[in-house]
Amino acid sequence: MKADFRAALEGKDLPILTLDNKWHKLFTQREKTPEIDELADDINALMEKQAKLRDDEKKVKALKKKLMSEIMELRDRVAREGEKSKASKELDEHTRLINDCNDRIEQYQDELIDIPREIYQKNMKLMMLSMDICYEKLERNSDHIEEIDKWITATRIELKKQIIEKQRREVENFNLYSYMHDIFGAEVIEIFDIGYDPEKQHPIRTMNIDSRAGGAEGGIVGGNPAG
């Protein structure tokens, strides 16, 4: 997998990962490995060094520019005051400082040439490690999601079966109670204290039981002739 990632990323303009807050969020659920931490520290150190070199180069170039602007005036003074004058010594010192500036600027530029390559290489390695970790996490999550999905499907089927079975038994209970209510009457049902409450279980159907019970008031109740 690393080879596939590297081939896909080769030559790409990769962002500096340690500067990207979203990269840090990749590891909010787990800690970075020691190797990742070390690479991140190296990249940050290289970037700090790069920034310092650029700042130093900028300052030396500014100093060189100032010395160059002064050296023309010193040459004019030497021409007027002679080679042994104070101006001649200042001209020599300016020349030495300008040469020193040139050497330092060249040194900074040499170092600045190598740093971007070092940052790119370490950043590429950091991305490989990051992608490996993320890919591994994605695969584990995908496997777990698939297992959960299977469980949900199986549970949904079982839930449907149980709902149907519950409804079947509710209807059976209601019918049994209804028949017993019609046959034995409400008073007998209350004596036996069956513990079944049709008003809670089937409030709509209970109206049918009540209507039938009301129609039986002038007939047979509890199995005895009326009147």
C-alpha atoms as a PDB file:
ATOM      1  CA  MET A   1       0.000   0.000   0.000  1.00  0.00           C
ATOM      2  CA  LYS A   2       2.880   2.389   0.711  1.00  0.00           C
ATOM      3  CA  ALA A   3       4.181   1.915  -2.834  1.00  0.00           C
ATOM      4  CA  ASP A   4       0.750   2.788  -4.229  1.00  0.00           C
ATOM      5  CA  PHE A   5       0.539   5.911  -2.084  1.00  0.00           C
ATOM      6  CA  ARG A   6       4.075   7.023  -2.971  1.00  0.00           C
ATOM      7  CA  ALA A   7       3.484   6.523  -6.698  1.00  0.00           C
ATOM      8  CA  ALA A   8       0.265   8.541  -6.507  1.00  0.00           C
ATOM      9  CA  LEU A   9       1.918  11.373  -4.568  1.00  0.00           C
ATOM     10  CA  GLU A  10       5.204  11.505  -6.469  1.00  0.00           C
ATOM     11  CA  GLY A  11       5.799  15.015  -7.799  1.00  0.00           C
ATOM     12  CA  LYS A  12       2.710  16.425  -6.093  1.00  0.00           C
ATOM     13  CA  ASP A  13       2.869  19.785  -4.366  1.00  0.00           C
ATOM     14  CA  LEU A  14       2.255  18.483  -0.861  1.00  0.00           C
ATOM     15  CA  PRO A  15       1.171  20.796   1.968  1.00  0.00           C
ATOM     16  CA  ILE A  16       3.366  20.989   5.045  1.00  0.00           C
ATOM     17  CA  LEU A  17       1.392  18.687   7.327  1.00  0.00           C
ATOM     18  CA  THR A  18       2.542  20.153  10.623  1.00  0.00           C
ATOM     19  CA  LEU A  19       1.088  23.529   9.549  1.00  0.00           C
ATOM     20  CA  ASP A  20      -2.305  22.027   8.724  1.00  0.00           C
ATOM     21  CA  ASN A  21      -4.714  21.916  11.671  1.00  0.00           C
ATOM     22  CA  LYS A  22      -6.772  19.237   9.899  1.00  0.00           C
ATOM     23  CA  TRP A  23      -3.743  16.938   9.897  1.00  0.00           C
ATOM     24  CA  HIS A  24      -3.503  17.271  13.673  1.00  0.00           C
ATOM     25  CA  LYS A  25      -7.228  16.407  13.890  1.00  0.00           C
ATOM     26  CA  LEU A  26      -6.475  13.058  12.248  1.00  0.00           C
ATOM     27  CA  PHE A  27      -4.967  12.029  15.571  1.00  0.00           C
ATOM     28  CA  THR A  28      -7.644  13.311  17.942  1.00  0.00           C
ATOM     29  CA  GLN A  29      -8.906   9.744  18.430  1.00  0.00           C
ATOM     30  CA  ARG A  30      -5.473   8.199  18.831  1.00  0.00           C
ATOM     31  CA  GLU A  31      -1.950   9.284  19.739  1.00  0.00           C
ATOM     32  CA  LYS A  32       0.731   9.871  17.159  1.00  0.00           C
ATOM     33  CA  THR A  33       3.431   7.219  16.952  1.00  0.00           C
ATOM     34  CA  PRO A  34       6.957   8.111  18.159  1.00  0.00           C
ATOM     35  CA  GLU A  35       8.160   8.075  14.538  1.00  0.00           C
ATOM     36  CA  ILE A  36       5.456  10.542  13.500  1.00  0.00           C
ATOM     37  CA  ASP A  37       6.255  12.798  16.449  1.00  0.00           C
ATOM     38  CA  GLU A  38       9.962  12.744  15.572  1.00  0.00           C
ATOM     39  CA  LEU A  39       9.318  13.570  11.908  1.00  0.00           C
ATOM     40  CA  ALA A  40       6.963  16.397  12.870  1.00  0.00           C
ATOM     41  CA  ASP A  41       9.596  17.835  15.222  1.00  0.00           C
ATOM     42  CA  ASP A  42      12.266  17.582  12.489  1.00  0.00           C
ATOM     43  CA  ILE A  43      10.042  19.375   9.978  1.00  0.00           C
ATOM     44  CA  ASN A  44       9.213  22.146  12.441  1.00  0.00           C
ATOM     45  CA  ALA A  45      12.895  22.560  13.306  1.00  0.00           C
ATOM     46  CA  LEU A  46      13.835  22.770   9.609  1.00  0.00           C
ATOM     47  CA  MET A  47      11.141  25.366   9.003  1.00  0.00           C
ATOM     48  CA  GLU A  48      12.358  27.430  11.946  1.00  0.00           C
ATOM     49  CA  LYS A  49      15.905  27.176  10.627  1.00  0.00           C
ATOM     50  CA  GLN A  50      14.718  28.187   7.145  1.00  0.00           C
ATOM     51  CA  ALA A  51      12.868  31.200   8.525  1.00  0.00           C
ATOM     52  CA  LYS A  52      15.909  32.270  10.566  1.00  0.00           C
ATOM     53  CA  LEU A  53      18.264  31.899   7.589  1.00  0.00           C
ATOM     54  CA  ARG A  54      15.984  34.005   5.421  1.00  0.00           C
ATOM     55  CA  ASP A  55      15.742  36.637   8.128  1.00  0.00           C
ATOM     56  CA  ASP A  56      19.529  36.656   8.605  1.00  0.00           C
ATOM     57  CA  GLU A  57      20.070  36.864   4.844  1.00  0.00           C
ATOM     58  CA  LYS A  58      17.663  39.786   4.641  1.00  0.00           C
ATOM     59  CA  LYS A  59      19.531  41.632   7.418  1.00  0.00           C
ATOM     60  CA  VAL A  60      22.951  41.000   5.818  1.00  0.00           C
ATOM     61  CA  LYS A  61      21.694  42.189   2.431  1.00  0.00           C
ATOM     62  CA  ALA A  62      20.385  45.345   4.087  1.00  0.00           C
ATOM     63  CA  LEU A  63      23.797  45.865   5.728  1.00  0.00           C
ATOM     64  CA  LYS A  64      25.562  45.269   2.421  1.00  0.00           C
ATOM     65  CA  LYS A  65      23.295  47.795   0.697  1.00  0.00           C
ATOM     66  CA  LYS A  66      24.122  50.379   3.362  1.00  0.00           C
ATOM     67  CA  LEU A  67      27.870  49.702   3.046  1.00  0.00           C
ATOM     68  CA  MET A  68      27.678  49.944  -0.747  1.00  0.00           C
ATOM     69  CA  SER A  69      25.905  53.300  -0.517  1.00  0.00           C
ATOM     70  CA  GLU A  70      28.669  54.607   1.782  1.00  0.00           C
ATOM     71  CA  ILE A  71      31.613  53.216  -0.182  1.00  0.00           C
ATOM     72  CA  MET A  72      31.200  55.664  -3.105  1.00  0.00           C
ATOM     73  CA  GLU A  73      31.510  58.632  -0.782  1.00  0.00           C
ATOM     74  CA  LEU A  74      34.566  57.062   0.889  1.00  0.00           C
ATOM     75  CA  ARG A  75      36.281  56.637  -2.481  1.00  0.00           C
ATOM     76  CA  ASP A  76      35.733  60.310  -3.239  1.00  0.00           C
ATOM     77  CA  ARG A  77      37.221  61.216   0.151  1.00  0.00           C
ATOM     78  CA  VAL A  78      40.244  58.956  -0.437  1.00  0.00           C
ATOM     79  CA  ALA A  79      40.794  60.646  -3.779  1.00  0.00           C
ATOM     80  CA  ARG A  80      40.833  64.008  -2.002  1.00  0.00           C
ATOM     81  CA  GLU A  81      42.612  63.084   1.241  1.00  0.00           C
ATOM     82  CA  GLY A  82      45.096  60.463   0.019  1.00  0.00           C
ATOM     83  CA  GLU A  83      45.759  56.720   0.558  1.00  0.00           C
ATOM     84  CA  LYS A  84      46.953  57.184   4.148  1.00  0.00           C
ATOM     85  CA  SER A  85      43.925  59.129   5.293  1.00  0.00           C
ATOM     86  CA  LYS A  86      41.249  58.007   7.741  1.00  0.00           C
ATOM     87  CA  ALA A  87      38.851  57.690   4.804  1.00  0.00           C
ATOM     88  CA  SER A  88      41.214  55.121   3.216  1.00  0.00           C
ATOM     89  CA  LYS A  89      41.068  52.954   6.350  1.00  0.00           C
ATOM     90  CA  GLU A  90      37.295  53.246   6.429  1.00  0.00           C
ATOM     91  CA  LEU A  91      37.165  52.266   2.767  1.00  0.00           C
ATOM     92  CA  ASP A  92      39.243  49.151   3.475  1.00  0.00           C
ATOM     93  CA  GLU A  93      36.976  48.246   6.389  1.00  0.00           C
ATOM     94  CA  HIS A  94      33.874  48.739   4.247  1.00  0.00           C
ATOM     95  CA  THR A  95      35.380  46.578   1.540  1.00  0.00           C
ATOM     96  CA  ARG A  96      36.179  43.855   4.086  1.00  0.00           C
ATOM     97  CA  LEU A  97      32.653  44.015   5.514  1.00  0.00           C
ATOM     98  CA  ILE A  98      31.090  43.847   2.051  1.00  0.00           C
ATOM     99  CA  ASN A  99      33.168  40.764   1.227  1.00  0.00           C
ATOM    100  CA  ASP A 100      32.126  39.260   4.554  1.00  0.00           C
ATOM    101  CA  CYS A 101      28.497  40.011   3.707  1.00  0.00           C
ATOM    102  CA  ASN A 102      28.923  38.294   0.341  1.00  0.00           C
ATOM    103  CA  ASP A 103      30.370  35.203   2.024  1.00  0.00           C
ATOM    104  CA  ARG A 104      27.559  35.059   4.563  1.00  0.00           C
ATOM    105  CA  ILE A 105      24.871  35.590   1.920  1.00  0.00           C
ATOM    106  CA  GLU A 106      26.371  32.790  -0.150  1.00  0.00           C
ATOM    107  CA  GLN A 107      26.448  30.516   2.902  1.00  0.00           C
ATOM    108  CA  TYR A 108      22.806  31.292   3.723  1.00  0.00           C
ATOM    109  CA  GLN A 109      21.756  30.624   0.146  1.00  0.00           C
ATOM    110  CA  ASP A 110      23.628  27.302   0.072  1.00  0.00           C
ATOM    111  CA  GLU A 111      21.837  26.188   3.219  1.00  0.00           C
ATOM    112  CA  LEU A 112      18.497  27.468   1.962  1.00  0.00           C
ATOM    113  CA  ILE A 113      18.878  25.352  -1.176  1.00  0.00           C
ATOM    114  CA  ASP A 114      19.080  22.109   0.818  1.00  0.00           C
ATOM    115  CA  ILE A 115      16.391  22.788   3.427  1.00  0.00           C
ATOM    116  CA  PRO A 116      13.315  22.683   1.135  1.00  0.00           C
ATOM    117  CA  ARG A 117      14.438  19.286  -0.171  1.00  0.00           C
ATOM    118  CA  GLU A 118      14.891  17.981   3.388  1.00  0.00           C
ATOM    119  CA  ILE A 119      11.471  19.311   4.375  1.00  0.00           C
ATOM    120  CA  TYR A 120       9.864  17.729   1.306  1.00  0.00           C
ATOM    121  CA  GLN A 121      11.432  14.328   1.972  1.00  0.00           C
ATOM    122  CA  LYS A 122      10.463  14.292   5.638  1.00  0.00           C
ATOM    123  CA  ASN A 123       7.015  15.650   4.849  1.00  0.00           C
ATOM    124  CA  MET A 124       6.536  12.897   2.253  1.00  0.00           C
ATOM    125  CA  LYS A 125       7.541  10.255   4.785  1.00  0.00           C
ATOM    126  CA  LEU A 126       5.226  11.805   7.354  1.00  0.00           C
ATOM    127  CA  MET A 127       2.374  11.684   4.879  1.00  0.00           C
ATOM    128  CA  MET A 128       3.101   7.999   4.116  1.00  0.00           C
ATOM    129  CA  LEU A 129       2.930   7.131   7.804  1.00  0.00           C
ATOM    130  CA  SER A 130      -0.193   9.234   8.287  1.00  0.00           C
ATOM    131  CA  MET A 131      -1.948   7.635   5.337  1.00  0.00           C
ATOM    132  CA  ASP A 132      -0.978   4.151   6.508  1.00  0.00           C
ATOM    133  CA  ILE A 133      -2.514   4.828   9.909  1.00  0.00           C
ATOM    134  CA  CYS A 134      -5.649   6.410   8.427  1.00  0.00           C
ATOM    135  CA  TYR A 135      -6.046   3.631   5.857  1.00  0.00           C
ATOM    136  CA  GLU A 136      -5.727   0.995   8.566  1.00  0.00           C
ATOM    137  CA  LYS A 137      -8.321   2.843  10.674  1.00  0.00           C
ATOM    138  CA  LEU A 138     -10.652   3.166   7.668  1.00  0.00           C
ATOM    139  CA  GLU A 139     -10.422  -0.567   6.993  1.00  0.00           C
ATOM    140  CA  ARG A 140     -11.125  -1.446  10.638  1.00  0.00           C
ATOM    141  CA  ASN A 141     -14.058   0.944  10.752  1.00  0.00           C
ATOM    142  CA  SER A 142     -15.422  -0.393   7.458  1.00  0.00           C
ATOM    143  CA  ASP A 143     -15.266  -3.973   8.757  1.00  0.00           C
ATOM    144  CA  HIS A 144     -17.011  -2.941  11.970  1.00  0.00           C
ATOM    145  CA  ILE A 145     -19.632  -0.958  10.047  1.00  0.00           C
ATOM    146  CA  GLU A 146     -20.339  -4.020   7.910  1.00  0.00           C
ATOM    147  CA  GLU A 147     -20.756  -6.171  11.032  1.00  0.00           C
ATOM    148  CA  ILE A 148     -23.095  -3.594  12.592  1.00  0.00           C
ATOM    149  CA  ASP A 149     -25.068  -3.352   9.349  1.00  0.00           C
ATOM    150  CA  LYS A 150     -25.554  -7.125   9.328  1.00  0.00           C
ATOM    151  CA  TRP A 151     -26.640  -7.007  12.963  1.00  0.00           C
ATOM    152  CA  ILE A 152     -29.108  -4.201  12.233  1.00  0.00           C
ATOM    153  CA  THR A 153     -30.574  -6.142   9.294  1.00  0.00           C
ATOM    154  CA  ALA A 154     -30.909  -9.320  11.359  1.00  0.00           C
ATOM    155  CA  THR A 155     -32.346  -7.369  14.297  1.00  0.00           C
ATOM    156  CA  ARG A 156     -34.827  -5.589  12.038  1.00  0.00           C
ATOM    157  CA  ILE A 157     -36.066  -8.934  10.714  1.00  0.00           C
ATOM    158  CA  GLU A 158     -36.309 -10.380  14.209  1.00  0.00           C
ATOM    159  CA  LEU A 159     -38.023  -7.212  15.456  1.00  0.00           C
ATOM    160  CA  LYS A 160     -40.612  -7.496  12.698  1.00  0.00           C
ATOM    161  CA  LYS A 161     -41.241 -11.131  13.655  1.00  0.00           C
ATOM    162  CA  GLN A 162     -41.611 -10.215  17.310  1.00  0.00           C
ATOM    163  CA  ILE A 163     -44.000  -7.349  16.525  1.00  0.00           C
ATOM    164  CA  ILE A 164     -46.166  -9.720  14.475  1.00  0.00           C
ATOM    165  CA  GLU A 165     -46.065 -12.294  17.268  1.00  0.00           C
ATOM    166  CA  LYS A 166     -46.951  -9.621  19.848  1.00  0.00           C
ATOM    167  CA  GLN A 167     -49.903  -8.467  17.761  1.00  0.00           C
ATOM    168  CA  ARG A 168     -51.066 -12.075  17.270  1.00  0.00           C
ATOM    169  CA  ARG A 169     -51.027 -12.735  21.010  1.00  0.00           C
ATOM    170  CA  GLU A 170     -52.749  -9.419  21.731  1.00  0.00           C
ATOM    171  CA  VAL A 171     -55.563 -10.335  19.347  1.00  0.00           C
ATOM    172  CA  GLU A 172     -55.755 -13.817  20.858  1.00  0.00           C
ATOM    173  CA  ASN A 173     -55.981 -12.356  24.386  1.00  0.00           C
ATOM    174  CA  PHE A 174     -58.638  -9.910  23.303  1.00  0.00           C
ATOM    175  CA  ASN A 175     -60.711 -12.599  21.616  1.00  0.00           C
ATOM    176  CA  LEU A 176     -60.401 -14.904  24.628  1.00  0.00           C
ATOM    177  CA  TYR A 177     -61.457 -12.133  26.981  1.00  0.00           C
ATOM    178  CA  SER A 178     -64.258 -11.090  24.683  1.00  0.00           C
ATOM    179  CA  TYR A 179     -65.646 -14.602  24.451  1.00  0.00           C
ATOM    180  CA  MET A 180     -65.313 -15.112  28.209  1.00  0.00           C
ATOM    181  CA  HIS A 181     -67.013 -11.763  28.815  1.00  0.00           C
ATOM    182  CA  ASP A 182     -69.907 -12.727  26.533  1.00  0.00           C
ATOM    183  CA  ILE A 183     -70.251 -16.243  27.968  1.00  0.00           C
ATOM    184  CA  PHE A 184     -69.782 -15.676  31.693  1.00  0.00           C
ATOM    185  CA  GLY A 185     -70.602 -12.007  32.105  1.00  0.00           C
ATOM    186  CA  ALA A 186     -68.665  -9.111  33.630  1.00  0.00           C
ATOM    187  CA  GLU A 187     -69.401 -10.061  37.245  1.00  0.00           C
ATOM    188  CA  VAL A 188     -67.920 -13.531  36.878  1.00  0.00           C
ATOM    189  CA  ILE A 189     -64.891 -12.133  35.068  1.00  0.00           C
ATOM    190  CA  GLU A 190     -64.303  -9.693  37.931  1.00  0.00           C
ATOM    191  CA  ILE A 191     -64.589 -12.520  40.509  1.00  0.00           C
ATOM    192  CA  PHE A 192     -61.803 -14.471  38.811  1.00  0.00           C
ATOM    193  CA  ASP A 193     -59.652 -11.306  38.594  1.00  0.00           C
ATOM    194  CA  ILE A 194     -58.024 -12.362  35.343  1.00  0.00           C
ATOM    195  CA  GLY A 195     -55.694  -9.359  35.327  1.00  0.00           C
ATOM    196  CA  TYR A 196     -56.376  -8.427  31.733  1.00  0.00           C
ATOM    197  CA  ASP A 197     -57.417  -4.829  31.037  1.00  0.00           C
ATOM    198  CA  PRO A 198     -58.946  -4.512  27.548  1.00  0.00           C
ATOM    199  CA  GLU A 199     -59.344  -0.734  27.966  1.00  0.00           C
ATOM    200  CA  LYS A 200     -55.566  -0.377  28.011  1.00  0.00           C
ATOM    201  CA  GLN A 201     -54.820  -3.106  25.489  1.00  0.00           C
ATOM    202  CA  HIS A 202     -57.615  -2.443  22.965  1.00  0.00           C
ATOM    203  CA  PRO A 203     -59.626   0.682  23.835  1.00  0.00           C
ATOM    204  CA  ILE A 204     -61.426   0.722  20.459  1.00  0.00           C
ATOM    205  CA  ARG A 205     -62.408  -2.924  20.575  1.00  0.00           C
ATOM    206  CA  THR A 206     -63.496  -2.606  24.225  1.00  0.00           C
ATOM    207  CA  MET A 207     -66.439  -0.497  23.068  1.00  0.00           C
ATOM    208  CA  ASN A 208     -67.762  -3.561  21.253  1.00  0.00           C
ATOM    209  CA  ILE A 209     -67.575  -5.608  24.448  1.00  0.00           C
ATOM    210  CA  ASP A 210     -69.426  -2.902  26.407  1.00  0.00           C
ATOM    211  CA  SER A 211     -72.143  -2.661  23.775  1.00  0.00           C
ATOM    212  CA  ARG A 212     -72.657  -6.405  23.811  1.00  0.00           C
ATOM    213  CA  ALA A 213     -72.749  -6.437  27.626  1.00  0.00           C
ATOM    214  CA  GLY A 214     -75.358  -3.683  27.616  1.00  0.00           C
ATOM    215  CA  GLY A 215     -77.553  -5.616  25.198  1.00  0.00           C
ATOM    216  CA  ALA A 216     -77.469  -8.644  27.467  1.00  0.00           C
ATOM    217  CA  GLU A 217     -78.865  -6.843  30.539  1.00  0.00           C
ATOM    218  CA  GLY A 218     -82.441  -8.039  29.879  1.00  0.00           C
ATOM    219  CA  GLY A 219     -81.366 -11.593  29.004  1.00  0.00           C
ATOM    220  CA  ILE A 220     -79.052 -14.139  30.604  1.00  0.00           C
ATOM    221  CA  VAL A 221     -76.315 -12.872  32.929  1.00  0.00           C
ATOM    222  CA  GLY A 222     -73.957 -15.317  34.566  1.00  0.00           C
ATOM    223  CA  GLY A 223     -76.006 -18.238  33.183  1.00  0.00           C
ATOM    224  CA  ASN A 224     -79.276 -17.501  35.203  1.00  0.00           C
ATOM    225  CA  PRO A 225     -82.678 -16.583  33.695  1.00  0.00           C
ATOM    226  CA  ALA A 226     -83.610 -12.910  34.089  1.00  0.00           C
ATOM    227  CA  GLY A 227     -86.571 -11.972  36.293  1.00  0.00           C
END
